Amino acid sequence: MSVETVQTGKVDVAMARSWLLVPAIGSEAIAAAAASGADALIIDLEDGLPFAAKEEGRACAAAWLERHAGWVRIGDATTAHWGRDLDAIRGLPGLQGLMLSKTETPEQVRDTAGEMPGVPIVALVESAAAVVAVDDIARTRPVVRLAFGIGDYCRDTGAGRSPMALAYARSRLVNASRAAQIGPPVDGPTLSPDATVVRDDTRLAREMGMTGKLTLAGEQVPVINTALAPDALDISWAEATIERLGADGARVTHGGHLPQLARAHDILRRAEHFTPRP
């Protein structure tokens, strides 16, 4: 899989697990979010920010990005907020990337990229129209990942939030990402404060082929990071598989072995990526 390497903190964007959204309501709130251990910090200028606080929020985001790193979720391209958000953060040294709200067409991505050349984009898929267009959106540079906006998708379609109700949309994001050779998609947030629910939702997303998760709460970050990183059983299986089949496949004897070997290498690559270094 050919994925451009983009750094978000110390984690490649293609592997980032926890994506923490924090409203741009003050430097203390953003600093607390930055200290949460999230793989990606997203300063929210869209739904997390009341309309009356938009200008103040843009100034807050700009002040943070003058001295610190972070992503920014901007308003969708059909609103006046889109241009004002971009103007507020253009060229700032800490800007790592953009999360484009309510992306529904490749043109919206291209227009955003034209305003902010060279800045990576995570496209938020939040409607039926977006799911229909998701293959083209995923192939549009500089999209590096897709993210699933569950709340707005459910509002748009009338779907519930059960795994069955959301399986089709999640699968579309997974397949579109793989076909476009970008990082696997980022699942939507879990609203429950219960860590067990967060863990189970995250494991479900992982089973669907998603390797990241949005969150609105810093306390969910360690749960998400643990659930989306290879555990001891994964690593043990991967090491045993590589030992049995050979790192280069020298002992492969039937067609089922090569997919197993590829998965084993991927598990160890992810495990090494998330292992703290001194």
Protein backbone atom coordinates (compact mmCIF):
# COMPACT_ATOMS: atom_id res chain seq x y z
CA MET A 1 0.00 0.00 0.00
CA SER A 2 1.54 3.29 -1.09
CA VAL A 3 0.71 5.92 1.53
CA GLU A 4 2.48 9.25 1.75
CA THR A 5 4.20 9.67 5.10
CA VAL A 6 2.78 12.64 6.95
CA GLN A 7 3.64 13.19 10.59
CA THR A 8 1.03 14.04 13.21
CA GLY A 9 3.02 14.48 16.39
CA LYS A 10 5.29 11.42 16.53
CA VAL A 11 2.84 9.20 14.66
CA ASP A 12 2.46 8.83 10.90
CA VAL A 13 -0.98 10.08 9.90
CA ALA A 14 -1.74 6.77 8.16
CA MET A 15 -1.37 4.98 11.52
CA ALA A 16 -2.84 7.55 13.91
CA ARG A 17 -5.39 5.89 16.20
CA SER A 18 -6.97 8.53 18.46
CA TRP A 19 -8.16 11.78 16.86
CA LEU A 20 -9.22 14.12 19.67
CA LEU A 21 -11.53 17.01 18.77
CA VAL A 22 -11.32 20.01 21.10
CA PRO A 23 -13.35 23.20 20.59
CA ALA A 24 -11.25 26.33 20.12
CA ILE A 25 -12.56 27.92 23.29
CA GLY A 26 -9.28 28.73 25.01
CA SER A 27 -5.62 27.77 25.23
CA GLU A 28 -6.09 25.86 28.50
CA ALA A 29 -8.63 23.49 26.95
CA ILE A 30 -6.41 22.90 23.93
CA ALA A 31 -3.35 22.36 26.13
CA ALA A 32 -5.21 19.76 28.20
CA ALA A 33 -6.23 17.95 25.02
CA ALA A 34 -2.68 18.08 23.71
CA ALA A 35 -1.48 16.42 26.94
CA SER A 36 -3.99 13.55 26.62
CA GLY A 37 -1.70 11.30 24.60
CA ALA A 38 -3.89 11.48 21.50
CA ASP A 39 -2.14 10.60 18.27
CA ALA A 40 -3.79 13.60 16.59
CA LEU A 41 -5.09 16.81 18.14
CA ILE A 42 -7.86 18.52 16.14
CA ILE A 43 -8.81 22.07 17.05
CA ASP A 44 -12.49 22.32 16.20
CA LEU A 45 -13.82 25.41 14.44
CA GLU A 46 -16.99 23.66 13.25
CA ASP A 47 -19.77 21.96 15.23
CA GLY A 48 -17.91 22.07 18.54
CA LEU A 49 -17.85 25.87 18.44
CA PRO A 50 -21.03 27.95 18.95
CA PHE A 51 -21.85 30.33 16.11
CA ALA A 52 -21.37 33.39 18.33
CA ALA A 53 -17.86 32.20 19.25
CA LYS A 54 -16.54 31.59 15.72
CA GLU A 55 -14.32 34.67 15.45
CA GLU A 56 -12.94 34.22 18.95
CA GLY A 57 -12.33 30.55 18.18
CA ARG A 58 -10.41 31.34 15.00
CA ALA A 59 -8.17 33.70 16.94
CA CYS A 60 -7.66 31.02 19.61
CA ALA A 61 -6.72 28.40 17.01
CA ALA A 62 -4.32 30.79 15.29
CA ALA A 63 -2.63 31.68 18.57
CA TRP A 64 -2.13 28.00 19.39
CA LEU A 65 -0.72 27.17 15.95
CA GLU A 66 1.78 30.01 16.18
CA ARG A 67 3.64 28.02 18.87
CA HIS A 68 2.22 24.48 18.92
CA ALA A 69 1.19 21.75 16.51
CA GLY A 70 -2.29 20.57 15.65
CA TRP A 71 -4.90 19.79 13.03
CA VAL A 72 -7.93 22.02 12.48
CA ARG A 73 -11.48 20.98 11.65
CA ILE A 74 -12.83 23.70 9.39
CA GLY A 75 -16.37 24.50 8.29
CA ASP A 76 -17.74 22.78 5.22
CA ALA A 77 -17.07 24.26 1.81
CA THR A 78 -20.69 25.30 1.21
CA THR A 79 -20.61 27.86 4.03
CA ALA A 80 -18.96 31.22 4.55
CA HIS A 81 -17.19 29.75 7.58
CA TRP A 82 -14.97 27.65 5.28
CA GLY A 83 -13.13 30.65 3.81
CA ARG A 84 -12.95 32.52 7.10
CA ASP A 85 -11.55 29.46 8.86
CA LEU A 86 -8.88 29.04 6.19
CA ASP A 87 -7.94 32.71 6.29
CA ALA A 88 -7.46 32.54 10.06
CA ILE A 89 -4.95 29.65 9.99
CA ARG A 90 -3.26 30.09 6.63
CA GLY A 91 0.52 29.67 6.73
CA LEU A 92 0.78 29.10 10.48
CA PRO A 93 3.85 27.05 11.47
CA GLY A 94 2.02 24.53 13.67
CA LEU A 95 -0.69 23.56 11.17
CA GLN A 96 -0.35 19.82 10.54
CA GLY A 97 -3.45 19.30 8.44
CA LEU A 98 -7.12 20.03 7.88
CA MET A 99 -10.21 18.01 8.68
CA LEU A 100 -12.77 19.08 6.08
CA SER A 101 -16.28 18.94 7.49
CA LYS A 102 -19.18 17.46 5.51
CA THR A 103 -17.13 16.61 2.45
CA GLU A 104 -19.47 15.56 -0.36
CA THR A 105 -17.53 16.09 -3.60
CA PRO A 106 -13.93 15.92 -4.86
CA GLU A 107 -14.32 19.57 -5.92
CA GLN A 108 -14.65 20.63 -2.28
CA VAL A 109 -11.34 18.91 -1.56
CA ARG A 110 -9.66 20.49 -4.57
CA ASP A 111 -10.96 23.94 -3.65
CA THR A 112 -9.60 23.52 -0.12
CA ALA A 113 -6.25 22.27 -1.41
CA GLY A 114 -6.08 25.25 -3.76
CA GLU A 115 -6.44 27.59 -0.80
CA MET A 116 -3.92 25.66 1.34
CA PRO A 117 -1.34 24.05 -0.99
CA GLY A 118 0.63 21.17 0.48
CA VAL A 119 -1.57 20.76 3.57
CA PRO A 120 -2.91 17.20 4.09
CA ILE A 121 -6.66 16.74 4.38
CA VAL A 122 -8.81 14.25 6.27
CA ALA A 123 -12.21 14.23 4.57
CA LEU A 124 -15.19 13.83 6.90
CA VAL A 125 -17.89 11.65 5.33
CA GLU A 126 -21.16 12.63 6.99
CA SER A 127 -24.05 12.11 4.57
CA ALA A 128 -25.61 9.77 2.04
CA ALA A 129 -24.24 11.93 -0.80
CA ALA A 130 -20.75 11.64 0.68
CA VAL A 131 -20.97 7.86 0.91
CA VAL A 132 -22.04 7.70 -2.75
CA ALA A 133 -19.07 9.87 -3.76
CA VAL A 134 -16.58 8.37 -1.32
CA ASP A 135 -14.47 6.53 -3.91
CA ASP A 136 -13.77 9.76 -5.81
CA ILE A 137 -13.20 11.72 -2.60
CA ALA A 138 -10.64 9.18 -1.38
CA ARG A 139 -8.70 9.44 -4.66
CA THR A 140 -8.53 13.24 -4.54
CA ARG A 141 -5.23 14.65 -3.36
CA PRO A 142 -4.26 15.69 -0.76
CA VAL A 143 -6.74 13.44 1.11
CA VAL A 144 -4.69 11.20 3.40
CA ARG A 145 -7.57 9.55 5.27
CA LEU A 146 -11.34 9.46 5.46
CA ALA A 147 -13.26 9.92 8.71
CA PHE A 148 -16.83 8.87 9.48
CA GLY A 149 -19.13 11.53 10.92
CA ILE A 150 -21.65 9.17 12.50
CA GLY A 151 -23.98 11.75 14.06
CA ASP A 152 -24.59 13.76 10.91
CA TYR A 153 -24.79 10.61 8.79
CA CYS A 154 -27.53 9.22 11.03
CA ARG A 155 -29.36 12.53 10.96
CA ASP A 156 -29.14 12.68 7.17
CA THR A 157 -30.22 9.10 6.49
CA GLY A 158 -32.46 8.31 9.47
CA ALA A 159 -30.23 5.32 10.29
CA GLY A 160 -29.68 4.17 13.85
CA ARG A 161 -26.26 3.84 15.47
CA SER A 162 -26.24 0.05 15.76
CA PRO A 163 -23.36 -1.87 14.12
CA MET A 164 -25.76 -3.32 11.53
CA ALA A 165 -27.19 0.09 10.63
CA LEU A 166 -23.72 1.57 10.06
CA ALA A 167 -22.00 -1.45 8.53
CA TYR A 168 -22.61 -0.42 4.92
CA ALA A 169 -21.21 3.09 5.35
CA ARG A 170 -18.21 1.86 7.30
CA SER A 171 -17.45 -0.76 4.66
CA ARG A 172 -17.68 1.84 1.90
CA LEU A 173 -15.07 3.99 3.66
CA VAL A 174 -12.79 0.99 4.22
CA ASN A 175 -12.94 -0.17 0.61
CA ALA A 176 -12.60 3.33 -0.83
CA SER A 177 -9.52 3.98 1.30
CA ARG A 178 -7.84 0.75 0.27
CA ALA A 179 -8.62 1.24 -3.42
CA ALA A 180 -7.23 4.79 -3.27
CA GLN A 181 -4.12 3.58 -1.40
CA ILE A 182 -4.55 5.99 1.48
CA GLY A 183 -4.57 5.17 5.20
CA PRO A 184 -7.52 3.18 6.59
CA PRO A 185 -10.47 5.27 7.74
CA VAL A 186 -11.11 6.88 11.10
CA ASP A 187 -14.35 5.82 12.80
CA GLY A 188 -16.75 8.26 14.39
CA PRO A 189 -16.87 9.07 18.11
CA THR A 190 -18.49 7.07 20.88
CA LEU A 191 -20.69 9.36 22.97
CA SER A 192 -20.95 7.08 26.00
CA PRO A 193 -18.52 7.88 28.86
CA ASP A 194 -18.35 4.16 29.73
CA ALA A 195 -14.84 2.87 28.97
CA THR A 196 -16.18 -0.61 28.22
CA VAL A 197 -18.52 0.78 25.57
CA VAL A 198 -15.67 2.83 24.07
CA ARG A 199 -13.44 -0.24 23.98
CA ASP A 200 -16.11 -2.41 22.37
CA ASP A 201 -16.95 0.25 19.77
CA THR A 202 -13.27 0.66 18.95
CA ARG A 203 -12.76 -3.08 18.57
CA LEU A 204 -15.77 -3.19 16.27
CA ALA A 205 -14.25 -0.45 14.12
CA ARG A 206 -10.98 -2.38 14.01
CA GLU A 207 -12.84 -5.53 12.95
CA MET A 208 -14.45 -3.53 10.12
CA GLY A 209 -11.01 -2.47 8.88
CA MET A 210 -10.81 0.99 10.45
CA THR A 211 -7.63 1.89 12.32
CA GLY A 212 -8.49 5.26 13.84
CA LYS A 213 -11.29 6.75 15.93
CA LEU A 214 -12.56 10.24 16.58
CA THR A 215 -13.17 11.18 20.18
CA LEU A 216 -14.57 14.17 22.00
CA ALA A 217 -13.12 13.22 25.40
CA GLY A 218 -9.48 13.03 26.46
CA GLU A 219 -10.22 10.20 28.91
CA GLN A 220 -11.16 7.97 25.97
CA VAL A 221 -7.73 8.35 24.36
CA PRO A 222 -5.87 5.56 26.22
CA VAL A 223 -8.79 3.17 25.66
CA ILE A 224 -8.78 3.88 21.92
CA ASN A 225 -5.00 3.70 21.62
CA THR A 226 -4.88 0.34 23.39
CA ALA A 227 -7.77 -1.14 21.41
CA LEU A 228 -6.28 -0.10 18.06
CA ALA A 229 -2.70 -1.17 18.74
CA PRO A 230 -1.64 -4.82 18.37
CA ASP A 231 -1.89 -6.64 21.69
CA ALA A 232 0.30 -9.45 23.04
CA LEU A 233 -1.77 -12.15 21.35
CA ASP A 234 -1.60 -10.38 18.00
CA ILE A 235 2.16 -10.02 18.27
CA SER A 236 2.65 -13.63 19.37
CA TRP A 237 0.57 -14.87 16.42
CA ALA A 238 2.46 -12.64 13.99
CA GLU A 239 5.87 -13.78 15.22
CA ALA A 240 4.86 -17.44 15.08
CA THR A 241 3.43 -17.02 11.58
CA ILE A 242 6.60 -15.39 10.26
CA GLU A 243 8.72 -18.05 11.91
CA ARG A 244 6.59 -20.81 10.37
CA LEU A 245 6.38 -19.35 6.85
CA GLY A 246 9.68 -17.46 6.67
CA ALA A 247 9.96 -13.67 6.61
CA ASP A 248 10.18 -13.74 2.80
CA GLY A 249 7.63 -16.54 2.36
CA ALA A 250 10.23 -19.20 1.70
CA ARG A 251 8.09 -21.87 3.42
CA VAL A 252 4.72 -20.90 1.90
CA THR A 253 2.95 -24.03 0.64
CA HIS A 254 -0.56 -22.88 -0.33
CA GLY A 255 -2.52 -19.78 -1.31
CA GLY A 256 -3.83 -19.08 2.18
CA HIS A 257 -0.34 -18.53 3.56
CA LEU A 258 0.54 -15.30 1.74
CA PRO A 259 -2.37 -13.26 3.18
CA GLN A 260 -1.48 -14.56 6.65
CA LEU A 261 2.14 -13.56 6.16
CA ALA A 262 1.20 -10.08 4.97
CA ARG A 263 -1.05 -9.60 7.99
CA ALA A 264 1.71 -10.80 10.32
CA HIS A 265 4.16 -8.26 8.91
CA ASP A 266 1.55 -5.49 9.21
CA ILE A 267 0.89 -6.36 12.87
CA LEU A 268 4.59 -6.20 13.74
CA ARG A 269 5.04 -2.97 11.78
CA ARG A 270 2.20 -1.34 13.72
CA ALA A 271 3.42 -2.75 17.04
CA GLU A 272 6.88 -1.30 16.49
CA HIS A 273 5.43 2.04 15.43
CA PHE A 274 3.52 2.42 18.69
CA THR A 275 6.24 1.10 21.01
CA PRO A 276 7.54 4.00 23.12
CA ARG A 277 11.15 4.82 22.39
CA PRO A 278 13.55 6.13 25.02
